[in-house]
Protein backbone atom coordinates (compact mmCIF):
# COMPACT_ATOMS: atom_id res chain seq x y z
CA UNK A 1 60.42 83.68 110.90
CA UNK A 2 62.79 81.02 109.55
CA UNK A 3 62.71 82.35 105.95
CA UNK A 4 63.60 85.80 107.24
CA UNK A 5 66.61 84.44 109.14
CA UNK A 6 67.76 82.55 106.04
CA UNK A 7 67.41 85.68 103.95
CA UNK A 8 69.45 87.74 106.42
CA UNK A 9 72.09 85.03 106.59
CA UNK A 10 72.40 84.97 102.79
CA UNK A 11 72.51 88.76 102.69
CA UNK A 12 75.35 88.86 105.22
CA UNK A 13 77.24 86.22 103.25
CA UNK A 14 76.83 88.24 100.05
CA UNK A 15 78.11 91.40 101.72
CA UNK A 16 81.12 89.56 103.17
CA UNK A 17 81.86 88.00 99.79
CA UNK A 18 81.68 91.39 98.06
CA UNK A 19 84.02 92.91 100.64
CA UNK A 20 86.45 90.02 100.28
CA UNK A 21 86.51 90.34 96.49
CA UNK A 22 86.96 94.10 96.72
CA UNK A 23 89.75 93.78 99.25
CA UNK A 24 91.43 91.07 97.18
CA UNK A 25 91.38 93.32 94.12
CA UNK A 26 92.98 96.18 96.05
CA UNK A 27 95.55 93.86 97.57
CA UNK A 28 96.65 92.54 94.20
CA UNK A 29 96.77 96.03 92.71
CA UNK A 30 98.78 97.46 95.59
CA UNK A 31 101.18 94.56 96.06
CA UNK A 32 100.70 94.21 99.83
CA UNK A 33 97.46 92.61 101.04
CA UNK A 34 98.13 93.01 104.77
CA UNK A 35 98.78 96.74 104.71
CA UNK A 36 96.10 97.38 102.12
CA UNK A 37 93.69 95.88 104.64
CA UNK A 38 95.10 98.07 107.43
CA UNK A 39 94.76 101.13 105.23
CA UNK A 40 91.20 100.19 104.42
CA UNK A 41 90.08 99.80 108.04
CA UNK A 42 92.28 102.58 109.50
CA UNK A 43 92.87 105.25 106.84
CA UNK A 44 93.87 107.97 109.33
CA UNK A 45 97.24 106.34 110.05
CA UNK A 46 98.04 106.20 106.33
CA UNK A 47 96.96 109.78 105.62
CA UNK A 48 98.20 111.70 108.65
CA UNK A 49 101.40 112.92 106.92
CA UNK A 50 99.95 113.55 103.45
CA UNK A 51 100.10 117.37 103.66
CA UNK A 52 103.62 117.33 105.05
CA UNK A 53 104.75 114.82 102.42
CA UNK A 54 103.24 116.96 99.66
CA UNK A 55 104.99 120.11 100.90
CA UNK A 56 108.40 118.48 101.30
CA UNK A 57 108.11 116.64 97.98
CA UNK A 58 107.38 119.91 96.18
CA UNK A 59 110.51 121.49 97.67
CA UNK A 60 112.63 118.67 96.25
CA UNK A 61 110.87 118.32 92.89
CA UNK A 62 109.53 114.88 93.76
CA UNK A 63 106.16 113.30 93.18
CA UNK A 64 104.50 113.15 96.62
CA UNK A 65 103.09 109.75 95.71
CA UNK A 66 106.65 108.48 95.32
CA UNK A 67 107.73 109.91 98.66
CA UNK A 68 104.69 108.37 100.32
CA UNK A 69 105.49 105.01 98.70
CA UNK A 70 108.98 105.17 100.22
CA UNK A 71 107.54 106.06 103.64
CA UNK A 72 105.07 103.19 103.30
CA UNK A 73 107.87 100.73 102.57
CA UNK A 74 110.38 102.07 105.05
CA UNK A 75 108.32 102.62 108.19
CA UNK A 76 104.63 101.97 107.54
CA UNK A 77 104.15 105.56 108.71
CA UNK A 78 105.71 105.03 112.13
CA UNK A 79 107.82 108.16 112.88
CA UNK A 80 109.53 106.43 115.81
CA UNK A 81 110.76 103.40 113.90
CA UNK A 82 114.39 102.50 114.56
CA UNK A 83 116.04 100.27 111.96
CA UNK A 84 118.45 97.41 112.53
CA UNK A 85 121.35 99.48 111.16
CA UNK A 86 120.39 102.64 113.06
CA UNK A 87 118.07 104.13 110.45
CA UNK A 88 115.47 106.43 111.94
CA UNK A 89 111.97 107.70 111.35
CA UNK A 90 109.49 107.77 108.51
CA UNK A 91 111.98 107.39 105.65
CA UNK A 92 114.48 105.38 107.72
CA UNK A 93 117.28 107.89 107.15
CA UNK A 94 120.74 106.63 108.06
CA UNK A 95 123.19 108.58 110.19
CA UNK A 96 125.52 109.02 107.21
CA UNK A 97 122.78 110.33 104.93
CA UNK A 98 121.47 112.65 107.65
CA UNK A 99 124.91 114.11 108.25
CA UNK A 100 125.40 114.70 104.52
CA UNK A 101 122.02 116.43 104.38
CA UNK A 102 122.79 118.58 107.43
CA UNK A 103 126.20 119.57 106.06
CA UNK A 104 124.84 120.35 102.59
CA UNK A 105 122.07 122.48 104.07
CA UNK A 106 124.34 124.14 106.64
CA UNK A 107 122.38 122.89 109.63
CA UNK A 108 124.51 123.32 112.73
CA UNK A 109 124.41 121.11 115.81
CA UNK A 110 122.33 118.44 114.12
CA UNK A 111 121.59 115.38 116.26
CA UNK A 112 120.41 112.00 115.01
CA UNK A 113 117.45 112.03 117.40
CA UNK A 114 115.98 114.87 115.34
CA UNK A 115 115.24 112.30 112.62
CA UNK A 116 112.32 111.11 114.73
CA UNK A 117 110.64 114.44 113.95
CA UNK A 118 108.48 113.76 110.84
CA UNK A 119 109.30 117.05 109.08
CA UNK A 120 113.05 116.76 109.63
CA UNK A 121 113.03 113.14 108.55
CA UNK A 122 111.05 113.81 105.39
CA UNK A 123 113.30 116.71 104.47
CA UNK A 124 116.45 114.64 104.88
CA UNK A 125 114.99 111.60 103.14
CA UNK A 126 113.55 113.58 100.23
CA UNK A 127 116.86 115.39 99.78
CA UNK A 128 118.71 112.08 99.63
CA UNK A 129 116.18 110.57 97.20
CA UNK A 130 116.35 113.66 94.96
CA UNK A 131 120.13 113.41 94.88
CA UNK A 132 119.94 109.74 93.95
CA UNK A 133 117.49 110.46 91.12
CA UNK A 134 119.72 113.25 89.80
CA UNK A 135 122.63 110.83 89.90
CA UNK A 136 120.88 108.47 87.47
CA UNK A 137 119.26 110.89 85.02
CA UNK A 138 121.17 109.25 82.14
CA UNK A 139 119.03 106.15 82.58
CA UNK A 140 115.69 105.83 80.77
CA UNK A 141 114.09 104.56 84.02
CA UNK A 142 116.15 106.19 86.78
CA UNK A 143 113.76 105.38 89.62
CA UNK A 144 114.90 101.78 90.09
CA UNK A 145 118.54 102.89 90.19
CA UNK A 146 117.79 105.70 92.65
CA UNK A 147 115.81 103.43 94.97
CA UNK A 148 118.61 100.86 94.96
CA UNK A 149 121.04 103.64 95.88
CA UNK A 150 118.68 104.88 98.61
CA UNK A 151 118.51 101.39 100.09
CA UNK A 152 122.02 100.00 99.60
CA UNK A 153 124.27 102.98 98.87
CA UNK A 154 125.77 104.60 95.80
CA UNK A 155 128.78 102.28 95.46
CA UNK A 156 126.61 99.17 95.30
CA UNK A 157 124.21 100.78 92.85
CA UNK A 158 127.17 101.66 90.63
CA UNK A 159 128.40 98.07 90.80
CA UNK A 160 124.99 96.76 89.82
CA UNK A 161 125.02 99.17 86.89
CA UNK A 162 128.26 97.45 85.84
CA UNK A 163 130.23 100.48 87.00
CA UNK A 164 128.99 102.45 84.03
CA UNK A 165 127.08 105.64 84.82
CA UNK A 166 127.17 107.03 81.28
CA UNK A 167 125.52 104.22 79.31
CA UNK A 168 121.80 103.52 79.37
CA UNK A 169 120.78 100.26 81.01
CA UNK A 170 117.26 98.90 81.16
CA UNK A 171 115.55 98.58 84.51
CA UNK A 172 115.19 94.84 83.90
CA UNK A 173 118.90 94.38 83.26
CA UNK A 174 119.82 96.51 86.25
CA UNK A 175 117.58 94.59 88.64
CA UNK A 176 118.96 91.33 87.31
CA UNK A 177 122.41 92.45 88.48
CA UNK A 178 121.18 93.39 91.96
CA UNK A 179 122.56 90.53 94.02
CA UNK A 180 120.92 91.65 97.27
CA UNK A 181 117.46 89.97 97.22
CA UNK A 182 116.28 92.40 99.90
CA UNK A 183 117.22 95.43 97.81
CA UNK A 184 115.63 93.99 94.69
CA UNK A 185 112.39 93.34 96.59
CA UNK A 186 112.65 96.80 98.16
CA UNK A 187 112.84 98.48 94.74
CA UNK A 188 110.04 96.40 93.26
CA UNK A 189 107.70 96.91 96.22
CA UNK A 190 108.10 100.70 96.22
CA UNK A 191 107.52 100.91 92.49
CA UNK A 192 104.42 98.73 92.87
CA UNK A 193 103.10 100.93 95.66
CA UNK A 194 103.89 104.09 93.70
CA UNK A 195 101.97 102.73 90.71
CA UNK A 196 99.09 101.83 93.02
CA UNK A 197 98.87 105.42 94.30
CA UNK A 198 99.00 106.75 90.73
CA UNK A 199 96.25 104.40 89.59
CA UNK A 200 94.14 105.43 92.56
CA UNK A 201 94.75 109.07 91.68
CA UNK A 202 95.76 110.14 95.18
CA UNK A 203 98.16 109.35 97.96
């Protein structure tokens, strides 16, 4: 009986070791070990908005994996999240950005509370992200510039680009000028997550 118990104990240890190694690999590849673990044990939370994200992303000519990476970073897929500066919902859309979106799209009687609706939030956030990307099309790697604008505003992004929107600047040089550590980490973490989704081949 004792040899059988030892065998089972070793088998359990081997399985746990294999799971740990596999999880560690995913964590390194995705850039966030804690939420990679959550996604692994509770995939429904991380996939519940995939169809909606794909539909909204298509409307705004965005890669759905990018939009999902922004949602992942901004709210961890919590549609009721309320940010410290009043940002709301999945993509943590600010009141200013939401009002610009509503005005541009001729949406009357828009109220900030509507940003807690996933579809409304994704539409406003995707619109804002698309506008930011279009703003930086001159750059060889516009994504970093657009994400910095999404997080910290257009005026700060322009300052970090040395006030020059017509000359090409490398992503590395741009990020070196970003003097908000939180914004720099924000940009890097979304790009890492976006690359993780692309390597995985799905959202």
